[in-house]
Amino acid sequence: MFTSIKDDAGPSDALGLFHEVQQALNQAATVHREACSRSRAELRQYEADLRRVTEERNALRILFGQREEEIKDLRAELAKQKLEVIGKLCEEVDMIRAETLGWKYGMDRLAAEKETARAQLSSVENQLQSMKEKSSVQARKIEELEARLAPELAKAKSNAEKAKTNADAFVAVYWANAKAA
């Protein structure tokens, strides 16, 4: 405003100009006060927002700490349960392994008994076959002997019957003589 003042202006012009400057200054001060008031109000609002956000952050930190503790507790409990389950599973595996070894031992024993029984059966079959062959040979020999000895047997039977007849006759005569005597 002062730059537009001419050097040749008079005192009344300067006084009017001074009032205008004073009014402009008052308006600028009012505008500045209003701006400061708005800025203070905004600043109070920002401070309130900052306090609220800070409180929320602190509450979240506390909640986060609590959750971390809960998570640690849960992890510890989970690890404990995991170890218990692993222990139980190891016991079950050991029991199953022992049971399996028992079954394997039983199966091996049965297989050995089966092989022994097969060997015995094979031996008995061989003996039976050998006995059949010997029996067959003996049956043939008996048949041959019977065929060869049949005439002699018939002759021996005939002789035996004659001898019996003679002996019966002799005994009869002897009884008769004994009765007569």
Protein backbone atom coordinates (compact mmCIF):
# COMPACT_ATOMS: atom_id res chain seq x y z
CA MET A 1 0.00 0.00 0.00
CA PHE A 2 2.81 2.36 0.79
CA THR A 3 4.46 1.80 -2.52
CA SER A 4 1.56 3.36 -4.29
CA ILE A 5 1.79 6.55 -2.27
CA LYS A 6 3.14 9.40 -4.22
CA ASP A 7 5.70 11.67 -2.81
CA ASP A 8 3.64 14.71 -3.46
CA ALA A 9 0.66 13.57 -1.39
CA GLY A 10 -0.39 15.81 1.40
CA PRO A 11 -0.94 15.19 5.13
CA SER A 12 -4.67 14.55 4.75
CA ASP A 13 -3.95 11.99 2.16
CA ALA A 14 -1.45 10.43 4.49
CA LEU A 15 -3.96 10.31 7.35
CA GLY A 16 -6.55 8.62 5.14
CA LEU A 17 -3.94 6.34 3.96
CA PHE A 18 -2.90 5.62 7.54
CA HIS A 19 -6.52 4.75 8.45
CA GLU A 20 -6.76 2.44 5.51
CA VAL A 21 -3.55 0.80 6.50
CA GLN A 22 -4.80 0.58 10.10
CA GLN A 23 -8.04 -1.03 8.92
CA ALA A 24 -6.17 -3.43 6.66
CA LEU A 25 -3.90 -4.24 9.55
CA ASN A 26 -6.87 -4.79 11.86
CA GLN A 27 -8.52 -7.01 9.25
CA ALA A 28 -5.27 -8.93 8.78
CA ALA A 29 -4.95 -9.30 12.59
CA THR A 30 -8.58 -10.50 12.78
CA VAL A 31 -8.02 -12.91 9.96
CA HIS A 32 -4.80 -14.00 11.66
CA ARG A 33 -6.56 -14.44 15.04
CA GLU A 34 -9.35 -16.42 13.38
CA ALA A 35 -6.77 -18.52 11.56
CA CYS A 36 -4.86 -19.01 14.83
CA SER A 37 -8.10 -19.83 16.63
CA ARG A 38 -8.96 -22.36 13.92
CA SER A 39 -5.40 -23.66 14.05
CA ARG A 40 -5.61 -23.97 17.85
CA ALA A 41 -8.94 -25.74 17.56
CA GLU A 42 -7.47 -28.04 14.92
CA LEU A 43 -4.38 -28.48 17.09
CA ARG A 44 -6.58 -29.39 20.11
CA GLN A 45 -8.48 -31.80 17.88
CA TYR A 46 -5.21 -33.28 16.61
CA GLU A 47 -3.90 -33.53 20.19
CA ALA A 48 -7.13 -35.27 21.26
CA ASP A 49 -6.85 -37.58 18.25
CA LEU A 50 -3.19 -38.19 19.09
CA ARG A 51 -4.07 -38.99 22.75
CA ARG A 52 -6.86 -41.30 21.59
CA VAL A 53 -4.57 -43.02 19.06
CA THR A 54 -1.78 -43.23 21.67
CA GLU A 55 -4.19 -44.75 24.18
CA GLU A 56 -5.42 -47.18 21.53
CA ARG A 57 -1.81 -47.99 20.65
CA ASN A 58 -0.96 -48.57 24.32
CA ALA A 59 -4.09 -50.71 24.75
CA LEU A 60 -3.14 -52.65 21.62
CA ARG A 61 0.41 -53.08 22.96
CA ILE A 62 -0.98 -54.42 26.22
CA LEU A 63 -3.38 -56.66 24.32
CA PHE A 64 -0.53 -57.73 22.02
CA GLY A 65 1.60 -58.57 25.08
CA GLN A 66 -1.28 -60.55 26.57
CA ARG A 67 -1.80 -62.38 23.29
CA GLU A 68 1.92 -63.10 23.05
CA GLU A 69 1.83 -64.56 26.56
CA GLU A 70 -1.23 -66.62 25.61
CA ILE A 71 0.52 -67.76 22.46
CA LYS A 72 3.64 -68.69 24.47
CA ASP A 73 1.45 -70.61 26.93
CA LEU A 74 -0.39 -72.31 24.08
CA ARG A 75 2.89 -73.16 22.37
CA ALA A 76 4.27 -74.56 25.61
CA GLU A 77 1.07 -76.58 26.15
CA LEU A 78 1.16 -77.74 22.53
CA ALA A 79 4.81 -78.76 22.87
CA LYS A 80 3.96 -80.63 26.09
CA GLN A 81 1.01 -82.38 24.45
CA LYS A 82 3.15 -83.07 21.39
CA LEU A 83 5.79 -84.71 23.57
CA GLU A 84 3.11 -86.74 25.36
CA VAL A 85 1.61 -87.86 22.06
CA ILE A 86 5.06 -88.68 20.69
CA GLY A 87 5.80 -90.65 23.86
CA LYS A 88 2.54 -92.56 23.58
CA LEU A 89 3.13 -93.21 19.89
CA CYS A 90 6.66 -94.43 20.65
CA GLU A 91 5.25 -96.78 23.29
CA GLU A 92 2.65 -98.04 20.81
CA VAL A 93 5.34 -98.50 18.15
CA ASP A 94 7.49 -100.41 20.65
CA MET A 95 4.52 -102.59 21.60
CA ILE A 96 3.66 -103.21 17.95
CA ARG A 97 7.32 -103.91 17.20
CA ALA A 98 7.49 -106.41 20.10
CA GLU A 99 4.21 -107.97 18.98
CA THR A 100 5.49 -108.15 15.41
CA LEU A 101 8.73 -109.76 16.59
CA GLY A 102 6.63 -112.29 18.53
CA TRP A 103 4.60 -113.02 15.42
CA LYS A 104 7.78 -113.27 13.35
CA TYR A 105 9.29 -115.65 15.90
CA GLY A 106 6.08 -117.70 15.82
CA MET A 107 6.04 -117.70 12.03
CA ASP A 108 9.73 -118.71 11.91
CA ARG A 109 9.06 -121.47 14.44
CA LEU A 110 6.04 -122.65 12.42
CA ALA A 111 8.10 -122.54 9.22
CA ALA A 112 10.82 -124.62 10.90
CA GLU A 113 8.22 -127.06 12.22
CA LYS A 114 6.67 -127.20 8.76
CA GLU A 115 10.05 -127.97 7.20
CA THR A 116 10.71 -130.60 9.88
CA ALA A 117 7.28 -132.11 9.26
CA ARG A 118 7.91 -132.10 5.50
CA ALA A 119 11.28 -133.78 6.00
CA GLN A 120 9.67 -136.36 8.30
CA LEU A 121 6.83 -136.88 5.82
CA SER A 122 9.30 -137.29 2.99
CA SER A 123 11.29 -139.77 5.08
CA VAL A 124 8.13 -141.71 5.99
CA GLU A 125 7.03 -141.66 2.33
CA ASN A 126 10.46 -142.97 1.30
CA GLN A 127 10.29 -145.67 3.98
CA LEU A 128 6.75 -146.55 2.93
CA GLN A 129 7.80 -146.75 -0.71
CA SER A 130 10.77 -148.90 0.27
CA MET A 131 8.51 -151.12 2.38
CA LYS A 132 6.00 -151.37 -0.50
CA GLU A 133 8.80 -152.40 -2.80
CA LYS A 134 10.12 -154.93 -0.24
CA SER A 135 6.56 -156.16 0.40
CA SER A 136 6.00 -156.48 -3.31
CA VAL A 137 9.25 -158.44 -3.66
CA GLN A 138 8.36 -160.62 -0.65
CA ALA A 139 4.84 -161.19 -1.99
CA ARG A 140 6.32 -162.35 -5.27
CA LYS A 141 8.78 -164.59 -3.42
CA ILE A 142 5.92 -165.99 -1.32
CA GLU A 143 3.86 -166.61 -4.43
CA GLU A 144 6.86 -168.28 -6.07
CA LEU A 145 7.51 -170.37 -2.94
CA GLU A 146 3.84 -171.29 -2.63
CA ALA A 147 3.80 -172.25 -6.30
CA ARG A 148 6.98 -174.29 -5.87
CA LEU A 149 6.00 -175.78 -2.54
CA ALA A 150 2.34 -176.44 -3.35
CA PRO A 151 2.98 -180.01 -4.54
CA GLU A 152 5.22 -180.69 -1.57
CA LEU A 153 2.65 -179.14 0.77
CA ALA A 154 -0.07 -181.31 -0.71
CA LYS A 155 2.21 -184.33 -0.32
CA ALA A 156 3.08 -183.32 3.27
CA LYS A 157 -0.64 -182.89 4.06
CA SER A 158 -1.34 -186.26 2.58
CA ASN A 159 1.49 -187.80 4.60
CA ALA A 160 0.27 -186.03 7.72
CA GLU A 161 -3.24 -187.33 7.22
CA LYS A 162 -1.87 -190.84 6.67
CA ALA A 163 0.28 -190.50 9.75
CA LYS A 164 -2.72 -189.28 11.69
CA THR A 165 -4.80 -192.11 10.42
CA ASN A 166 -2.04 -194.55 11.35
CA ALA A 167 -1.64 -192.92 14.72
CA ASP A 168 -5.41 -193.00 15.32
CA ALA A 169 -5.44 -196.66 14.36
CA PHE A 170 -2.46 -197.34 16.59
CA VAL A 171 -4.10 -195.49 19.48
CA ALA A 172 -7.35 -197.37 18.88
CA VAL A 173 -5.49 -200.66 18.92
CA TYR A 174 -3.56 -199.58 21.98
CA TRP A 175 -6.83 -198.58 23.75
CA ALA A 176 -8.39 -201.78 22.80
CA ASN A 177 -5.41 -203.75 24.13
CA ALA A 178 -5.37 -201.61 27.22
CA LYS A 179 -9.08 -202.24 27.82
CA ALA A 180 -8.67 -205.90 27.17
CA ALA A 181 -5.75 -206.07 29.51
